[in-house]
Amino acid sequence: MKFGASMFMTDYSMAPGELAQALEERGFESLWAPEHSHIPLSRKSAPYVGGGELAKQYYDVMDPFVTLTAAAMATKTLLLGTGVCLVNQRDPIQTAKLVASIDQVSGGRFLFGIGVGWNQDEMENHGTVFETRAKLVRERIEAMKEIWTKSKAEYHGEFVNFDPMMTWPKPVQKPYPPIIVGGAFPYGARRAVRYGDGWIPLAGKVGPDSDVFATVPKFREMLKEAGRDPATCPISMFASPDDADTLKRYRDLGIARTSVSLPAAKADVVLPILDKWAGFMRQIGG
């Protein structure tokens, strides 16, 4: 099991390069950057899945492609992931170029974590219809796959439509960086089965009245029923607890990657947390 870390990188947190170097020095596998373009003051959508009010970091987070590029320039082996990119709020042609570009400048170290989003007001400001956001994301991912793999790409769907085009660069990773789909069980899991190269559930409950230990076997059965080898769609656990026994259970469950959610803070707060997790890595293996 590999270990990663995520942070809402802001103008008051550790700088991306500084954080990335600290992770690489301690043997972490990956750094993950979440995304919100903004947070509207209105609230049509359901309550925040984490409960309570949104933390300030949601309003303040920097663009993930910028922070991860800075992290890439400061490291040599650390993998760099969006955790997650809100594809429903991004143009697919431009996003395909961003993904290919960061994969190029990082030497093939990018992980494309994606989600359909939950904040209705935020996505509607981008012109996205809440009820059809999942199909929109699927079409945008399908269109990006065409762009990454074809010299003359075209796509014709309900929401995404373009005639043959040429655009470079293509990603270093072939056929493209892993598309790791975030979301709860069963809907996020179904999307991962349909077009993903991995699934990102949150630790603990990953669906109504379901925890990860119940849903992971169900997810693997879904893969088999779809004719897919479960090994082709590994699971990355986000927001993992700092509890060695639970982390060992994740390892024994076959979780490929576990990730700690770091506060948007400076080194004096963050580095002791990283040191604690480095101890888990030595204890558990990773």
Protein backbone atom coordinates (compact mmCIF):
# COMPACT_ATOMS: atom_id res chain seq x y z
CA MET A 1 0.00 0.00 0.00
CA LYS A 2 1.32 3.41 -1.01
CA PHE A 3 0.91 6.58 1.03
CA GLY A 4 -0.13 9.99 -0.22
CA ALA A 5 -1.15 13.34 1.20
CA SER A 6 -3.61 16.01 0.13
CA MET A 7 -3.79 19.68 1.01
CA PHE A 8 -5.88 22.68 0.06
CA MET A 9 -2.86 24.72 -0.98
CA THR A 10 -3.46 28.41 -0.31
CA ASP A 11 -1.48 31.62 0.10
CA TYR A 12 -1.20 30.86 3.84
CA SER A 13 -0.28 27.15 3.68
CA MET A 14 3.04 25.51 2.94
CA ALA A 15 4.18 26.36 -0.58
CA PRO A 16 3.60 23.51 -3.06
CA GLY A 17 7.30 22.93 -3.73
CA GLU A 18 8.15 22.96 -0.02
CA LEU A 19 5.39 20.48 0.78
CA ALA A 20 6.28 18.23 -2.15
CA GLN A 21 9.94 18.07 -1.10
CA ALA A 22 8.95 17.23 2.48
CA LEU A 23 6.73 14.39 1.22
CA GLU A 24 9.37 12.99 -1.12
CA GLU A 25 12.04 13.10 1.60
CA ARG A 26 9.79 11.02 3.89
CA GLY A 27 8.95 8.40 1.28
CA PHE A 28 5.42 9.43 0.39
CA GLU A 29 4.26 8.28 -3.02
CA SER A 30 1.94 11.13 -4.02
CA LEU A 31 0.63 14.64 -3.44
CA TRP A 32 -3.01 15.46 -4.19
CA ALA A 33 -4.51 18.90 -4.83
CA PRO A 34 -8.27 19.49 -4.53
CA GLU A 35 -10.19 22.04 -6.56
CA HIS A 36 -12.85 24.70 -6.18
CA SER A 37 -12.95 27.67 -8.53
CA HIS A 38 -15.01 29.63 -5.99
CA ILE A 39 -17.73 29.12 -3.40
CA PRO A 40 -21.01 30.99 -4.00
CA LEU A 41 -22.72 32.57 -1.02
CA SER A 42 -26.00 30.88 -1.99
CA ARG A 43 -26.56 27.19 -1.25
CA LYS A 44 -29.00 25.21 -3.38
CA SER A 45 -27.08 21.97 -3.08
CA ALA A 46 -27.30 19.44 -0.30
CA PRO A 47 -25.31 20.09 2.88
CA TYR A 48 -21.56 19.64 2.69
CA VAL A 49 -20.76 15.94 2.82
CA GLY A 50 -18.25 16.50 5.61
CA GLY A 51 -20.89 18.13 7.80
CA GLY A 52 -21.02 21.64 9.20
CA GLU A 53 -19.87 24.79 7.44
CA LEU A 54 -17.26 24.81 4.72
CA ALA A 55 -13.76 25.58 6.00
CA LYS A 56 -12.07 28.74 4.76
CA GLN A 57 -9.64 26.70 2.66
CA TYR A 58 -12.49 25.82 0.27
CA TYR A 59 -12.79 29.47 -0.69
CA ASP A 60 -9.06 30.06 -0.84
CA VAL A 61 -7.58 27.02 -2.61
CA MET A 62 -5.28 27.69 -5.56
CA ASP A 63 -5.65 26.11 -9.00
CA PRO A 64 -4.46 22.49 -8.77
CA PHE A 65 -2.65 22.45 -12.11
CA VAL A 66 -0.55 25.44 -11.02
CA THR A 67 0.32 24.08 -7.58
CA LEU A 68 1.06 20.59 -8.88
CA THR A 69 3.34 22.00 -11.57
CA ALA A 70 5.28 23.84 -8.87
CA ALA A 71 5.46 20.59 -6.91
CA ALA A 72 6.68 18.72 -9.98
CA MET A 73 9.54 21.17 -10.47
CA ALA A 74 10.69 20.67 -6.87
CA THR A 75 10.72 16.85 -6.92
CA LYS A 76 11.93 13.88 -8.94
CA THR A 77 9.79 10.86 -8.04
CA LEU A 78 6.68 12.13 -6.25
CA LEU A 79 3.43 11.45 -8.12
CA LEU A 80 1.12 14.44 -8.52
CA GLY A 81 -2.66 14.10 -8.54
CA THR A 82 -5.75 16.23 -8.73
CA GLY A 83 -7.89 15.19 -5.82
CA VAL A 84 -10.23 15.87 -7.46
CA CYS A 85 -10.51 17.94 -10.63
CA LEU A 86 -14.05 19.23 -11.19
CA VAL A 87 -14.34 18.25 -14.83
CA ASN A 88 -17.93 19.52 -14.95
CA GLN A 89 -16.54 23.05 -14.57
CA ARG A 90 -13.71 22.85 -17.13
CA ASP A 91 -13.57 23.00 -20.91
CA PRO A 92 -12.51 19.52 -22.13
CA ILE A 93 -10.20 20.68 -24.94
CA GLN A 94 -8.27 23.03 -22.67
CA THR A 95 -8.25 20.51 -19.81
CA ALA A 96 -6.87 17.82 -22.11
CA LYS A 97 -3.99 20.15 -22.93
CA LEU A 98 -3.43 20.93 -19.24
CA VAL A 99 -3.29 17.24 -18.34
CA ALA A 100 -0.93 16.40 -21.20
CA SER A 101 1.27 19.41 -20.40
CA ILE A 102 1.68 18.63 -16.70
CA ASP A 103 2.35 14.99 -17.56
CA GLN A 104 5.09 16.19 -19.92
CA VAL A 105 6.78 18.65 -17.54
CA SER A 106 6.63 16.14 -14.66
CA GLY A 107 8.08 13.31 -16.73
CA GLY A 108 4.94 11.18 -16.59
CA ARG A 109 4.08 11.61 -12.91
CA PHE A 110 0.52 12.94 -13.15
CA LEU A 111 -2.59 11.20 -11.76
CA PHE A 112 -5.89 12.56 -13.05
CA GLY A 113 -8.30 12.34 -10.13
CA ILE A 114 -11.74 13.55 -11.16
CA GLY A 115 -15.22 14.05 -9.75
CA VAL A 116 -18.67 15.19 -10.80
CA GLY A 117 -18.94 17.74 -8.01
CA TRP A 118 -21.54 18.36 -5.31
CA ASN A 119 -21.86 22.16 -5.08
CA GLN A 120 -24.81 23.01 -7.34
CA ASP A 121 -24.36 26.77 -7.08
CA GLU A 122 -20.67 26.59 -7.99
CA MET A 123 -21.18 24.51 -11.11
CA GLU A 124 -24.20 26.51 -12.26
CA ASN A 125 -21.98 29.61 -12.28
CA HIS A 126 -19.96 27.71 -14.91
CA GLY A 127 -23.08 27.00 -16.97
CA THR A 128 -23.34 23.37 -15.85
CA VAL A 129 -26.76 21.83 -15.21
CA PHE A 130 -26.69 19.98 -11.90
CA GLU A 131 -28.99 17.13 -12.95
CA THR A 132 -26.91 16.16 -16.02
CA ARG A 133 -23.44 16.78 -14.59
CA ALA A 134 -22.49 13.09 -14.46
CA LYS A 135 -23.18 12.54 -18.17
CA LEU A 136 -21.37 15.79 -18.97
CA VAL A 137 -18.28 14.57 -17.10
CA ARG A 138 -18.39 11.19 -18.84
CA GLU A 139 -18.55 12.81 -22.27
CA ARG A 140 -15.74 15.21 -21.42
CA ILE A 141 -13.54 12.33 -20.25
CA GLU A 142 -14.35 10.33 -23.38
CA ALA A 143 -13.53 13.36 -25.52
CA MET A 144 -10.22 13.93 -23.71
CA LYS A 145 -9.25 10.30 -24.27
CA GLU A 146 -9.74 10.89 -27.99
CA ILE A 147 -7.56 13.99 -27.86
CA TRP A 148 -4.79 12.22 -25.95
CA THR A 149 -4.67 9.16 -28.18
CA LYS A 150 -5.49 10.39 -31.70
CA SER A 151 -3.51 12.61 -34.04
CA LYS A 152 -6.81 13.78 -35.51
CA ALA A 153 -9.39 13.64 -32.73
CA GLU A 154 -13.12 14.20 -32.93
CA TYR A 155 -16.05 13.64 -30.60
CA HIS A 156 -19.78 13.92 -31.02
CA GLY A 157 -22.00 13.65 -27.96
CA GLU A 158 -24.96 15.34 -26.40
CA PHE A 159 -22.89 17.88 -24.46
CA VAL A 160 -19.45 17.71 -26.12
CA ASN A 161 -19.13 18.07 -29.85
CA PHE A 162 -16.15 18.87 -32.06
CA ASP A 163 -15.01 17.94 -35.55
CA PRO A 164 -11.54 16.52 -36.33
CA MET A 165 -8.77 18.57 -34.73
CA MET A 166 -5.05 18.43 -34.06
CA THR A 167 -3.61 19.34 -30.68
CA TRP A 168 -0.39 18.51 -28.82
CA PRO A 169 1.36 17.65 -26.59
CA LYS A 170 0.21 14.11 -25.96
CA PRO A 171 0.80 12.70 -22.44
CA VAL A 172 4.00 10.87 -21.55
CA GLN A 173 1.99 8.06 -19.99
CA LYS A 174 0.31 5.79 -22.52
CA PRO A 175 -2.43 5.82 -23.43
CA TYR A 176 -2.93 8.67 -20.91
CA PRO A 177 -2.50 9.36 -17.18
CA PRO A 178 -4.65 7.17 -14.92
CA ILE A 179 -8.18 8.51 -14.57
CA ILE A 180 -9.10 7.90 -10.94
CA VAL A 181 -12.76 8.55 -10.27
CA GLY A 182 -13.90 10.00 -6.96
CA GLY A 183 -17.33 9.52 -5.47
CA ALA A 184 -19.42 7.51 -3.05
CA PHE A 185 -20.78 4.00 -3.49
CA PRO A 186 -22.61 3.05 -5.63
CA TYR A 187 -22.69 5.98 -8.08
CA GLY A 188 -19.02 6.97 -7.97
CA ALA A 189 -18.09 3.31 -8.07
CA ARG A 190 -20.24 2.76 -11.18
CA ARG A 191 -18.53 5.65 -12.94
CA ALA A 192 -15.13 4.21 -12.05
CA VAL A 193 -16.15 0.85 -13.50
CA ARG A 194 -17.42 2.46 -16.70
CA TYR A 195 -14.53 4.76 -17.62
CA GLY A 196 -11.98 4.91 -14.82
CA ASP A 197 -8.57 3.47 -14.02
CA GLY A 198 -9.25 3.59 -10.29
CA TRP A 199 -11.76 4.61 -7.65
CA ILE A 200 -11.37 7.21 -4.87
CA PRO A 201 -13.81 6.78 -1.98
CA LEU A 202 -13.49 8.68 1.28
CA ALA A 203 -12.42 6.73 4.33
CA GLY A 204 -15.18 5.53 6.61
CA LYS A 205 -18.63 5.74 5.08
CA VAL A 206 -18.55 5.66 1.28
CA GLY A 207 -22.31 5.54 0.79
CA PRO A 208 -25.54 5.48 2.83
CA ASP A 209 -25.06 3.13 5.78
CA SER A 210 -22.00 1.56 4.15
CA ASP A 211 -18.36 1.60 5.14
CA VAL A 212 -15.36 0.81 3.01
CA PHE A 213 -14.99 -2.73 4.31
CA ALA A 214 -18.47 -3.54 3.02
CA THR A 215 -18.33 -1.65 -0.26
CA VAL A 216 -14.86 -2.56 -1.56
CA PRO A 217 -15.82 -6.23 -2.15
CA LYS A 218 -19.01 -5.04 -3.87
CA PHE A 219 -16.99 -2.70 -6.08
CA ARG A 220 -14.70 -5.53 -7.14
CA GLU A 221 -17.73 -7.66 -7.99
CA MET A 222 -19.05 -4.81 -10.12
CA LEU A 223 -15.76 -4.80 -12.03
CA LYS A 224 -15.95 -8.54 -12.62
CA GLU A 225 -19.56 -8.31 -13.79
CA ALA A 226 -18.46 -5.64 -16.28
CA GLY A 227 -15.75 -7.96 -17.60
CA ARG A 228 -12.93 -6.02 -15.96
CA ASP A 229 -10.03 -7.34 -13.93
CA PRO A 230 -10.19 -5.65 -10.49
CA ALA A 231 -6.42 -5.16 -10.71
CA THR A 232 -7.00 -2.67 -13.53
CA CYS A 233 -9.04 -0.38 -11.26
CA PRO A 234 -7.28 -0.06 -7.89
CA ILE A 235 -8.69 1.85 -4.93
CA SER A 236 -7.18 5.01 -3.45
CA MET A 237 -8.54 5.82 0.02
CA PHE A 238 -8.78 9.53 0.82
CA ALA A 239 -9.03 11.23 4.23
CA SER A 240 -7.66 8.16 5.99
CA PRO A 241 -7.57 8.18 9.81
CA ASP A 242 -4.29 8.35 11.67
CA ASP A 243 -4.82 4.94 13.21
CA ALA A 244 -2.35 2.14 12.54
CA ASP A 245 -4.86 -0.66 13.05
CA THR A 246 -7.28 0.83 10.52
CA LEU A 247 -4.48 1.43 8.05
CA LYS A 248 -3.42 -2.21 8.41
CA ARG A 249 -6.99 -3.27 7.65
CA TYR A 250 -6.90 -1.11 4.51
CA ARG A 251 -3.67 -2.81 3.49
CA ASP A 252 -5.12 -6.25 4.11
CA LEU A 253 -8.23 -5.27 2.12
CA GLY A 254 -5.98 -4.61 -0.87
CA ILE A 255 -6.27 -0.82 -0.90
CA ALA A 256 -3.61 0.40 -3.32
CA ARG A 257 -3.11 3.84 -1.80
CA THR A 258 -4.12 5.66 1.36
CA SER A 259 -3.94 9.41 1.78
CA VAL A 260 -3.89 11.77 4.75
CA SER A 261 -5.73 15.10 4.53
CA LEU A 262 -3.40 17.83 5.75
CA PRO A 263 -4.49 21.20 7.13
CA ALA A 264 -3.84 24.28 5.00
CA ALA A 265 -1.05 25.40 7.30
CA LYS A 266 2.63 26.20 7.51
CA ALA A 267 5.49 23.78 8.09
CA ASP A 268 5.42 24.02 11.89
CA VAL A 269 1.96 22.42 11.87
CA VAL A 270 2.29 20.11 8.85
CA LEU A 271 5.73 18.54 9.28
CA PRO A 272 4.95 16.81 12.60
CA ILE A 273 1.90 15.25 10.92
CA LEU A 274 4.08 14.02 8.05
CA ASP A 275 6.58 12.57 10.53
CA LYS A 276 3.78 10.68 12.27
CA TRP A 277 2.60 9.25 8.95
CA ALA A 278 6.15 8.35 7.98
CA GLY A 279 6.11 6.23 11.11
CA PHE A 280 2.94 4.50 9.89
CA MET A 281 4.69 3.78 6.59
CA ARG A 282 7.58 2.10 8.36
CA GLN A 283 5.21 0.16 10.60
CA ILE A 284 2.73 -0.93 7.94
CA GLY A 285 4.87 -1.00 4.82
CA GLY A 286 4.55 1.41 1.92
